[in-house]
Amino acid sequence: MEISWGKIKWTSRRGMRELDLMLLPFVEHDLPKMEESVIADYMDLMEATDLQLVRWFDGSEQADTQKRRKMVDLIRSCHATRRGREGV
């Protein structure tokens, strides 16, 4: 699979501060170290609406598929390791 990091970064820019603070560091620091299957699952997650993503990340709703639930958990876990270092 040909990975277009520019497309991934562009797709991850949602324009909502809450999402950008979670997604952009994940794409820059964590996702490049992961297997292609995880990258494909991430791109699937990016097909969700901003409202869905906010609800999934804040825990008020569960993602609509198991694959997306696992991806949300992974992003939240990576984000938790950066708390207080959001510029990282």
PDB file of N, CA and C in Angstrom:
ATOM      1  N   MET A   1       0.855  -1.181   0.000  1.00  0.00           N
ATOM      2  CA  MET A   1       0.000   0.000   0.000  1.00  0.00           C
ATOM      3  C   MET A   1       0.896   1.237   0.000  1.00  0.00           C
ATOM      4  N   GLU A   2       0.629   2.138  -0.893  1.00  0.00           N
ATOM      5  CA  GLU A   2       1.336   3.412  -0.965  1.00  0.00           C
ATOM      6  C   GLU A   2       0.729   4.357   0.067  1.00  0.00           C
ATOM      7  N   ILE A   3       1.562   4.862   0.968  1.00  0.00           N
ATOM      8  CA  ILE A   3       1.072   5.729   2.036  1.00  0.00           C
ATOM      9  C   ILE A   3       1.345   7.179   1.662  1.00  0.00           C
ATOM     10  N   SER A   4       0.297   7.962   1.622  1.00  0.00           N
ATOM     11  CA  SER A   4       0.412   9.388   1.339  1.00  0.00           C
ATOM     12  C   SER A   4       0.272  10.158   2.649  1.00  0.00           C
ATOM     13  N   TRP A   5       1.424  10.475   3.266  1.00  0.00           N
ATOM     14  CA  TRP A   5       1.397  11.160   4.560  1.00  0.00           C
ATOM     15  C   TRP A   5       0.779  12.538   4.448  1.00  0.00           C
ATOM     16  N   GLY A   6       0.967  13.191   3.297  1.00  0.00           N
ATOM     17  CA  GLY A   6       0.340  14.495   3.102  1.00  0.00           C
ATOM     18  C   GLY A   6      -1.177  14.392   3.166  1.00  0.00           C
ATOM     19  N   LYS A   7      -1.719  13.372   2.519  1.00  0.00           N
ATOM     20  CA  LYS A   7      -3.173  13.160   2.539  1.00  0.00           C
ATOM     21  C   LYS A   7      -3.648  12.810   3.945  1.00  0.00           C
ATOM     22  N   ILE A   8      -2.888  11.983   4.638  1.00  0.00           N
ATOM     23  CA  ILE A   8      -3.269  11.593   5.992  1.00  0.00           C
ATOM     24  C   ILE A   8      -3.299  12.818   6.902  1.00  0.00           C
ATOM     25  N   LYS A   9      -2.271  13.657   6.813  1.00  0.00           N
ATOM     26  CA  LYS A   9      -2.221  14.864   7.640  1.00  0.00           C
ATOM     27  C   LYS A   9      -3.353  15.819   7.284  1.00  0.00           C
ATOM     28  N   TRP A  10      -3.612  15.986   5.993  1.00  0.00           N
ATOM     29  CA  TRP A  10      -4.687  16.890   5.558  1.00  0.00           C
ATOM     30  C   TRP A  10      -6.039  16.393   6.059  1.00  0.00           C
ATOM     31  N   THR A  11      -6.280  15.101   5.954  1.00  0.00           N
ATOM     32  CA  THR A  11      -7.539  14.502   6.401  1.00  0.00           C
ATOM     33  C   THR A  11      -7.709  14.628   7.910  1.00  0.00           C
ATOM     34  N   SER A  12      -6.596  14.647   8.628  1.00  0.00           N
ATOM     35  CA  SER A  12      -6.627  14.710  10.084  1.00  0.00           C
ATOM     36  C   SER A  12      -6.889  16.118  10.611  1.00  0.00           C
ATOM     37  N   ARG A  13      -6.688  17.128   9.795  1.00  0.00           N
ATOM     38  CA  ARG A  13      -6.952  18.501  10.206  1.00  0.00           C
ATOM     39  C   ARG A  13      -8.454  18.727  10.140  1.00  0.00           C
ATOM     40  N   ARG A  14      -9.091  18.712  11.295  1.00  0.00           N
ATOM     41  CA  ARG A  14     -10.553  18.788  11.324  1.00  0.00           C
ATOM     42  C   ARG A  14     -11.062  20.192  11.577  1.00  0.00           C
ATOM     43  N   GLY A  15     -10.209  21.100  12.055  1.00  0.00           N
ATOM     44  CA  GLY A  15     -10.649  22.464  12.314  1.00  0.00           C
ATOM     45  C   GLY A  15     -11.342  22.645  13.654  1.00  0.00           C
ATOM     46  N   MET A  16     -11.397  21.597  14.431  1.00  0.00           N
ATOM     47  CA  MET A  16     -11.928  21.671  15.792  1.00  0.00           C
ATOM     48  C   MET A  16     -10.758  21.446  16.731  1.00  0.00           C
ATOM     49  N   ARG A  17     -10.532  22.387  17.601  1.00  0.00           N
ATOM     50  CA  ARG A  17      -9.361  22.329  18.479  1.00  0.00           C
ATOM     51  C   ARG A  17      -9.252  20.990  19.205  1.00  0.00           C
ATOM     52  N   GLU A  18     -10.362  20.507  19.748  1.00  0.00           N
ATOM     53  CA  GLU A  18     -10.339  19.259  20.511  1.00  0.00           C
ATOM     54  C   GLU A  18      -9.827  18.102  19.658  1.00  0.00           C
ATOM     55  N   LEU A  19     -10.276  18.042  18.420  1.00  0.00           N
ATOM     56  CA  LEU A  19      -9.853  16.954  17.534  1.00  0.00           C
ATOM     57  C   LEU A  19      -8.428  17.155  17.056  1.00  0.00           C
ATOM     58  N   ASP A  20      -8.091  18.380  16.672  1.00  0.00           N
ATOM     59  CA  ASP A  20      -6.742  18.641  16.177  1.00  0.00           C
ATOM     60  C   ASP A  20      -5.685  18.338  17.231  1.00  0.00           C
ATOM     61  N   LEU A  21      -5.962  18.658  18.492  1.00  0.00           N
ATOM     62  CA  LEU A  21      -4.997  18.385  19.560  1.00  0.00           C
ATOM     63  C   LEU A  21      -4.787  16.891  19.786  1.00  0.00           C
ATOM     64  N   MET A  22      -5.780  16.104  19.430  1.00  0.00           N
ATOM     65  CA  MET A  22      -5.672  14.663  19.610  1.00  0.00           C
ATOM     66  C   MET A  22      -5.110  13.993  18.349  1.00  0.00           C
ATOM     67  N   LEU A  23      -5.601  14.392  17.192  1.00  0.00           N
ATOM     68  CA  LEU A  23      -5.259  13.687  15.954  1.00  0.00           C
ATOM     69  C   LEU A  23      -3.897  14.062  15.375  1.00  0.00           C
ATOM     70  N   LEU A  24      -3.580  15.353  15.333  1.00  0.00           N
ATOM     71  CA  LEU A  24      -2.351  15.769  14.653  1.00  0.00           C
ATOM     72  C   LEU A  24      -1.081  15.235  15.317  1.00  0.00           C
ATOM     73  N   PRO A  25      -0.953  15.293  16.646  1.00  0.00           N
ATOM     74  CA  PRO A  25       0.238  14.681  17.251  1.00  0.00           C
ATOM     75  C   PRO A  25       0.293  13.167  17.022  1.00  0.00           C
ATOM     76  N   PHE A  26      -0.862  12.518  17.014  1.00  0.00           N
ATOM     77  CA  PHE A  26      -0.913  11.079  16.752  1.00  0.00           C
ATOM     78  C   PHE A  26      -0.364  10.784  15.359  1.00  0.00           C
ATOM     79  N   VAL A  27      -0.788  11.579  14.380  1.00  0.00           N
ATOM     80  CA  VAL A  27      -0.347  11.366  12.992  1.00  0.00           C
ATOM     81  C   VAL A  27       1.148  11.667  12.845  1.00  0.00           C
ATOM     82  N   GLU A  28       1.623  12.661  13.532  1.00  0.00           N
ATOM     83  CA  GLU A  28       3.024  13.044  13.391  1.00  0.00           C
ATOM     84  C   GLU A  28       3.981  12.138  14.163  1.00  0.00           C
ATOM     85  N   HIS A  29       3.587  11.673  15.342  1.00  0.00           N
ATOM     86  CA  HIS A  29       4.517  10.964  16.205  1.00  0.00           C
ATOM     87  C   HIS A  29       4.264   9.465  16.354  1.00  0.00           C
ATOM     88  N   ASP A  30       3.027   9.043  16.271  1.00  0.00           N
ATOM     89  CA  ASP A  30       2.701   7.640  16.572  1.00  0.00           C
ATOM     90  C   ASP A  30       2.394   6.811  15.327  1.00  0.00           C
ATOM     91  N   LEU A  31       1.544   7.319  14.487  1.00  0.00           N
ATOM     92  CA  LEU A  31       1.075   6.547  13.329  1.00  0.00           C
ATOM     93  C   LEU A  31       2.204   6.090  12.405  1.00  0.00           C
ATOM     94  N   PRO A  32       3.243   6.912  12.155  1.00  0.00           N
ATOM     95  CA  PRO A  32       4.308   6.446  11.258  1.00  0.00           C
ATOM     96  C   PRO A  32       5.042   5.198  11.744  1.00  0.00           C
ATOM     97  N   LYS A  33       4.967   4.900  13.025  1.00  0.00           N
ATOM     98  CA  LYS A  33       5.647   3.729  13.593  1.00  0.00           C
ATOM     99  C   LYS A  33       4.795   2.471  13.517  1.00  0.00           C
ATOM    100  N   MET A  34       3.573   2.605  13.024  1.00  0.00           N
ATOM    101  CA  MET A  34       2.625   1.493  13.075  1.00  0.00           C
ATOM    102  C   MET A  34       2.509   0.770  11.733  1.00  0.00           C
ATOM    103  N   GLU A  35       1.934  -0.414  11.803  1.00  0.00           N
ATOM    104  CA  GLU A  35       1.758  -1.250  10.615  1.00  0.00           C
ATOM    105  C   GLU A  35       0.737  -0.641   9.655  1.00  0.00           C
ATOM    106  N   GLU A  36       0.818  -1.061   8.413  1.00  0.00           N
ATOM    107  CA  GLU A  36      -0.083  -0.545   7.383  1.00  0.00           C
ATOM    108  C   GLU A  36      -1.545  -0.804   7.714  1.00  0.00           C
ATOM    109  N   SER A  37      -1.834  -1.913   8.371  1.00  0.00           N
ATOM    110  CA  SER A  37      -3.228  -2.219   8.716  1.00  0.00           C
ATOM    111  C   SER A  37      -3.784  -1.183   9.693  1.00  0.00           C
ATOM    112  N   VAL A  38      -2.947  -0.704  10.611  1.00  0.00           N
ATOM    113  CA  VAL A  38      -3.372   0.325  11.559  1.00  0.00           C
ATOM    114  C   VAL A  38      -3.597   1.640  10.821  1.00  0.00           C
ATOM    115  N   ILE A  39      -2.730   1.941   9.874  1.00  0.00           N
ATOM    116  CA  ILE A  39      -2.885   3.162   9.071  1.00  0.00           C
ATOM    117  C   ILE A  39      -4.187   3.098   8.277  1.00  0.00           C
ATOM    118  N   ALA A  40      -4.495   1.941   7.726  1.00  0.00           N
ATOM    119  CA  ALA A  40      -5.755   1.773   6.988  1.00  0.00           C
ATOM    120  C   ALA A  40      -6.950   1.951   7.923  1.00  0.00           C
ATOM    121  N   ASP A  41      -6.855   1.419   9.134  1.00  0.00           N
ATOM    122  CA  ASP A  41      -7.942   1.591  10.109  1.00  0.00           C
ATOM    123  C   ASP A  41      -8.093   3.061  10.490  1.00  0.00           C
ATOM    124  N   TYR A  42      -6.983   3.773  10.589  1.00  0.00           N
ATOM    125  CA  TYR A  42      -7.036   5.208  10.900  1.00  0.00           C
ATOM    126  C   TYR A  42      -7.757   5.961   9.787  1.00  0.00           C
ATOM    127  N   MET A  43      -7.421   5.640   8.542  1.00  0.00           N
ATOM    128  CA  MET A  43      -8.071   6.325   7.423  1.00  0.00           C
ATOM    129  C   MET A  43      -9.570   6.015   7.391  1.00  0.00           C
ATOM    130  N   ASP A  44      -9.945   4.810   7.780  1.00  0.00           N
ATOM    131  CA  ASP A  44     -11.365   4.476   7.908  1.00  0.00           C
ATOM    132  C   ASP A  44     -12.014   5.354   8.969  1.00  0.00           C
ATOM    133  N   LEU A  45     -11.336   5.548  10.095  1.00  0.00           N
ATOM    134  CA  LEU A  45     -11.865   6.392  11.165  1.00  0.00           C
ATOM    135  C   LEU A  45     -12.080   7.827  10.676  1.00  0.00           C
ATOM    136  N   MET A  46     -11.197   8.306   9.814  1.00  0.00           N
ATOM    137  CA  MET A  46     -11.288   9.681   9.326  1.00  0.00           C
ATOM    138  C   MET A  46     -12.499   9.920   8.418  1.00  0.00           C
ATOM    139  N   GLU A  47     -13.178   8.854   8.043  1.00  0.00           N
ATOM    140  CA  GLU A  47     -14.397   8.998   7.248  1.00  0.00           C
ATOM    141  C   GLU A  47     -15.593   9.396   8.114  1.00  0.00           C
ATOM    142  N   ALA A  48     -15.442   9.313   9.426  1.00  0.00           N
ATOM    143  CA  ALA A  48     -16.521   9.713  10.338  1.00  0.00           C
ATOM    144  C   ALA A  48     -16.630  11.235  10.351  1.00  0.00           C
ATOM    145  N   THR A  49     -17.786  11.710  10.781  1.00  0.00           N
ATOM    146  CA  THR A  49     -17.991  13.158  10.878  1.00  0.00           C
ATOM    147  C   THR A  49     -17.274  13.711  12.110  1.00  0.00           C
ATOM    148  N   ASP A  50     -17.061  15.014  12.116  1.00  0.00           N
ATOM    149  CA  ASP A  50     -16.429  15.646  13.273  1.00  0.00           C
ATOM    150  C   ASP A  50     -17.245  15.399  14.543  1.00  0.00           C
ATOM    151  N   LEU A  51     -18.557  15.517  14.441  1.00  0.00           N
ATOM    152  CA  LEU A  51     -19.418  15.315  15.607  1.00  0.00           C
ATOM    153  C   LEU A  51     -19.285  13.889  16.143  1.00  0.00           C
ATOM    154  N   GLN A  52     -19.260  12.912  15.249  1.00  0.00           N
ATOM    155  CA  GLN A  52     -19.067  11.530  15.688  1.00  0.00           C
ATOM    156  C   GLN A  52     -17.726  11.386  16.405  1.00  0.00           C
ATOM    157  N   LEU A  53     -16.667  11.929  15.814  1.00  0.00           N
ATOM    158  CA  LEU A  53     -15.341  11.809  16.412  1.00  0.00           C
ATOM    159  C   LEU A  53     -15.290  12.438  17.796  1.00  0.00           C
ATOM    160  N   VAL A  54     -15.847  13.636  17.942  1.00  0.00           N
ATOM    161  CA  VAL A  54     -15.853  14.299  19.250  1.00  0.00           C
ATOM    162  C   VAL A  54     -16.565  13.419  20.271  1.00  0.00           C
ATOM    163  N   ARG A  55     -17.705  12.892  19.915  1.00  0.00           N
ATOM    164  CA  ARG A  55     -18.465  12.047  20.850  1.00  0.00           C
ATOM    165  C   ARG A  55     -17.718  10.768  21.182  1.00  0.00           C
ATOM    166  N   TRP A  56     -17.048  10.182  20.204  1.00  0.00           N
ATOM    167  CA  TRP A  56     -16.299   8.955  20.451  1.00  0.00           C
ATOM    168  C   TRP A  56     -15.097   9.227  21.349  1.00  0.00           C
ATOM    169  N   PHE A  57     -14.395  10.331  21.094  1.00  0.00           N
ATOM    170  CA  PHE A  57     -13.213  10.631  21.892  1.00  0.00           C
ATOM    171  C   PHE A  57     -13.557  11.093  23.299  1.00  0.00           C
ATOM    172  N   ASP A  58     -14.677  11.785  23.473  1.00  0.00           N
ATOM    173  CA  ASP A  58     -15.022  12.229  24.832  1.00  0.00           C
ATOM    174  C   ASP A  58     -15.761  11.143  25.615  1.00  0.00           C
ATOM    175  N   GLY A  59     -16.084  10.036  24.947  1.00  0.00           N
ATOM    176  CA  GLY A  59     -16.693   8.903  25.623  1.00  0.00           C
ATOM    177  C   GLY A  59     -18.200   8.972  25.768  1.00  0.00           C
ATOM    178  N   SER A  60     -18.828  10.005  25.187  1.00  0.00           N
ATOM    179  CA  SER A  60     -20.281  10.100  25.317  1.00  0.00           C
ATOM    180  C   SER A  60     -21.003   9.099  24.411  1.00  0.00           C
ATOM    181  N   GLU A  61     -20.298   8.590  23.394  1.00  0.00           N
ATOM    182  CA  GLU A  61     -20.833   7.538  22.526  1.00  0.00           C
ATOM    183  C   GLU A  61     -19.698   6.585  22.184  1.00  0.00           C
ATOM    184  N   GLN A  62     -20.070   5.365  21.804  1.00  0.00           N
ATOM    185  CA  GLN A  62     -19.085   4.401  21.319  1.00  0.00           C
ATOM    186  C   GLN A  62     -19.045   4.460  19.802  1.00  0.00           C
ATOM    187  N   ALA A  63     -17.857   4.266  19.256  1.00  0.00           N
ATOM    188  CA  ALA A  63     -17.716   4.216  17.797  1.00  0.00           C
ATOM    189  C   ALA A  63     -18.605   3.110  17.237  1.00  0.00           C
ATOM    190  N   ASP A  64     -18.969   3.256  15.975  1.00  0.00           N
ATOM    191  CA  ASP A  64     -19.969   2.375  15.366  1.00  0.00           C
ATOM    192  C   ASP A  64     -19.460   1.002  14.943  1.00  0.00           C
ATOM    193  N   THR A  65     -18.148   0.772  14.941  1.00  0.00           N
ATOM    194  CA  THR A  65     -17.614  -0.558  14.624  1.00  0.00           C
ATOM    195  C   THR A  65     -16.512  -0.899  15.623  1.00  0.00           C
ATOM    196  N   GLN A  66     -16.236  -2.169  15.762  1.00  0.00           N
ATOM    197  CA  GLN A  66     -15.171  -2.624  16.659  1.00  0.00           C
ATOM    198  C   GLN A  66     -13.819  -2.058  16.223  1.00  0.00           C
ATOM    199  N   LYS A  67     -13.577  -2.045  14.917  1.00  0.00           N
ATOM    200  CA  LYS A  67     -12.320  -1.527  14.390  1.00  0.00           C
ATOM    201  C   LYS A  67     -12.135  -0.060  14.769  1.00  0.00           C
ATOM    202  N   ARG A  68     -13.188   0.711  14.657  1.00  0.00           N
ATOM    203  CA  ARG A  68     -13.121   2.128  15.015  1.00  0.00           C
ATOM    204  C   ARG A  68     -12.990   2.322  16.522  1.00  0.00           C
ATOM    205  N   ARG A  69     -13.642   1.475  17.306  1.00  0.00           N
ATOM    206  CA  ARG A  69     -13.502   1.556  18.767  1.00  0.00           C
ATOM    207  C   ARG A  69     -12.048   1.312  19.172  1.00  0.00           C
ATOM    208  N   LYS A  70     -11.408   0.325  18.552  1.00  0.00           N
ATOM    209  CA  LYS A  70     -10.008   0.033  18.851  1.00  0.00           C
ATOM    210  C   LYS A  70      -9.114   1.205  18.457  1.00  0.00           C
ATOM    211  N   MET A  71      -9.404   1.841  17.334  1.00  0.00           N
ATOM    212  CA  MET A  71      -8.598   2.974  16.887  1.00  0.00           C
ATOM    213  C   MET A  71      -8.776   4.164  17.826  1.00  0.00           C
ATOM    214  N   VAL A  72      -9.995   4.437  18.245  1.00  0.00           N
ATOM    215  CA  VAL A  72     -10.247   5.525  19.199  1.00  0.00           C
ATOM    216  C   VAL A  72      -9.478   5.251  20.490  1.00  0.00           C
ATOM    217  N   ASP A  73      -9.522   4.020  20.977  1.00  0.00           N
ATOM    218  CA  ASP A  73      -8.788   3.665  22.204  1.00  0.00           C
ATOM    219  C   ASP A  73      -7.289   3.857  22.021  1.00  0.00           C
ATOM    220  N   LEU A  74      -6.769   3.474  20.870  1.00  0.00           N
ATOM    221  CA  LEU A  74      -5.340   3.627  20.597  1.00  0.00           C
ATOM    222  C   LEU A  74      -4.940   5.102  20.587  1.00  0.00           C
ATOM    223  N   ILE A  75      -5.718   5.933  19.913  1.00  0.00           N
ATOM    224  CA  ILE A  75      -5.407   7.362  19.841  1.00  0.00           C
ATOM    225  C   ILE A  75      -5.498   7.985  21.228  1.00  0.00           C
ATOM    226  N   ARG A  76      -6.529   7.642  21.971  1.00  0.00           N
ATOM    227  CA  ARG A  76      -6.677   8.181  23.332  1.00  0.00           C
ATOM    228  C   ARG A  76      -5.502   7.760  24.215  1.00  0.00           C
ATOM    229  N   SER A  77      -5.055   6.527  24.082  1.00  0.00           N
ATOM    230  CA  SER A  77      -3.932   6.026  24.855  1.00  0.00           C
ATOM    231  C   SER A  77      -2.649   6.782  24.505  1.00  0.00           C
ATOM    232  N   CYS A  78      -2.397   6.959  23.230  1.00  0.00           N
ATOM    233  CA  CYS A  78      -1.208   7.710  22.799  1.00  0.00           C
ATOM    234  C   CYS A  78      -1.291   9.148  23.282  1.00  0.00           C
ATOM    235  N   HIS A  79      -2.476   9.734  23.207  1.00  0.00           N
ATOM    236  CA  HIS A  79      -2.674  11.117  23.648  1.00  0.00           C
ATOM    237  C   HIS A  79      -2.390  11.246  25.150  1.00  0.00           C
ATOM    238  N   ALA A  80      -2.796  10.261  25.923  1.00  0.00           N
ATOM    239  CA  ALA A  80      -2.602  10.304  27.372  1.00  0.00           C
ATOM    240  C   ALA A  80      -1.119  10.336  27.739  1.00  0.00           C
ATOM    241  N   THR A  81      -0.279   9.722  26.907  1.00  0.00           N
ATOM    242  CA  THR A  81       1.159   9.730  27.196  1.00  0.00           C
ATOM    243  C   THR A  81       1.773  11.103  26.932  1.00  0.00           C
ATOM    244  N   ARG A  82       1.060  11.960  26.217  1.00  0.00           N
ATOM    245  CA  ARG A  82       1.565  13.292  25.872  1.00  0.00           C
ATOM    246  C   ARG A  82       0.970  14.396  26.724  1.00  0.00           C
ATOM    247  N   ARG A  83       0.055  14.087  27.609  1.00  0.00           N
ATOM    248  CA  ARG A  83      -0.604  15.129  28.415  1.00  0.00           C
ATOM    249  C   ARG A  83       0.433  16.036  29.040  1.00  0.00           C
ATOM    250  N   GLY A  84       0.225  17.336  28.887  1.00  0.00           N
ATOM    251  CA  GLY A  84       1.176  18.304  29.406  1.00  0.00           C
ATOM    252  C   GLY A  84       2.309  18.600  28.454  1.00  0.00           C
ATOM    253  N   ARG A  85       2.365  17.819  27.369  1.00  0.00           N
ATOM    254  CA  ARG A  85       3.399  18.028  26.347  1.00  0.00           C
ATOM    255  C   ARG A  85       2.723  18.084  24.977  1.00  0.00           C
ATOM    256  N   GLU A  86       1.604  18.799  24.884  1.00  0.00           N
ATOM    257  CA  GLU A  86       0.797  18.799  23.671  1.00  0.00           C
ATOM    258  C   GLU A  86       1.539  19.246  22.425  1.00  0.00           C
ATOM    259  N   GLY A  87       2.603  20.026  22.578  1.00  0.00           N
ATOM    260  CA  GLY A  87       3.368  20.431  21.415  1.00  0.00           C
ATOM    261  C   GLY A  87       4.277  19.347  20.891  1.00  0.00           C
ATOM    262  N   VAL A  88       4.298  18.209  21.591  1.00  0.00           N
ATOM    263  CA  VAL A  88       5.182  17.101  21.225  1.00  0.00           C
ATOM    264  C   VAL A  88       4.456  16.138  20.326  1.00  0.00           C
TER     265      VAL A  88
END
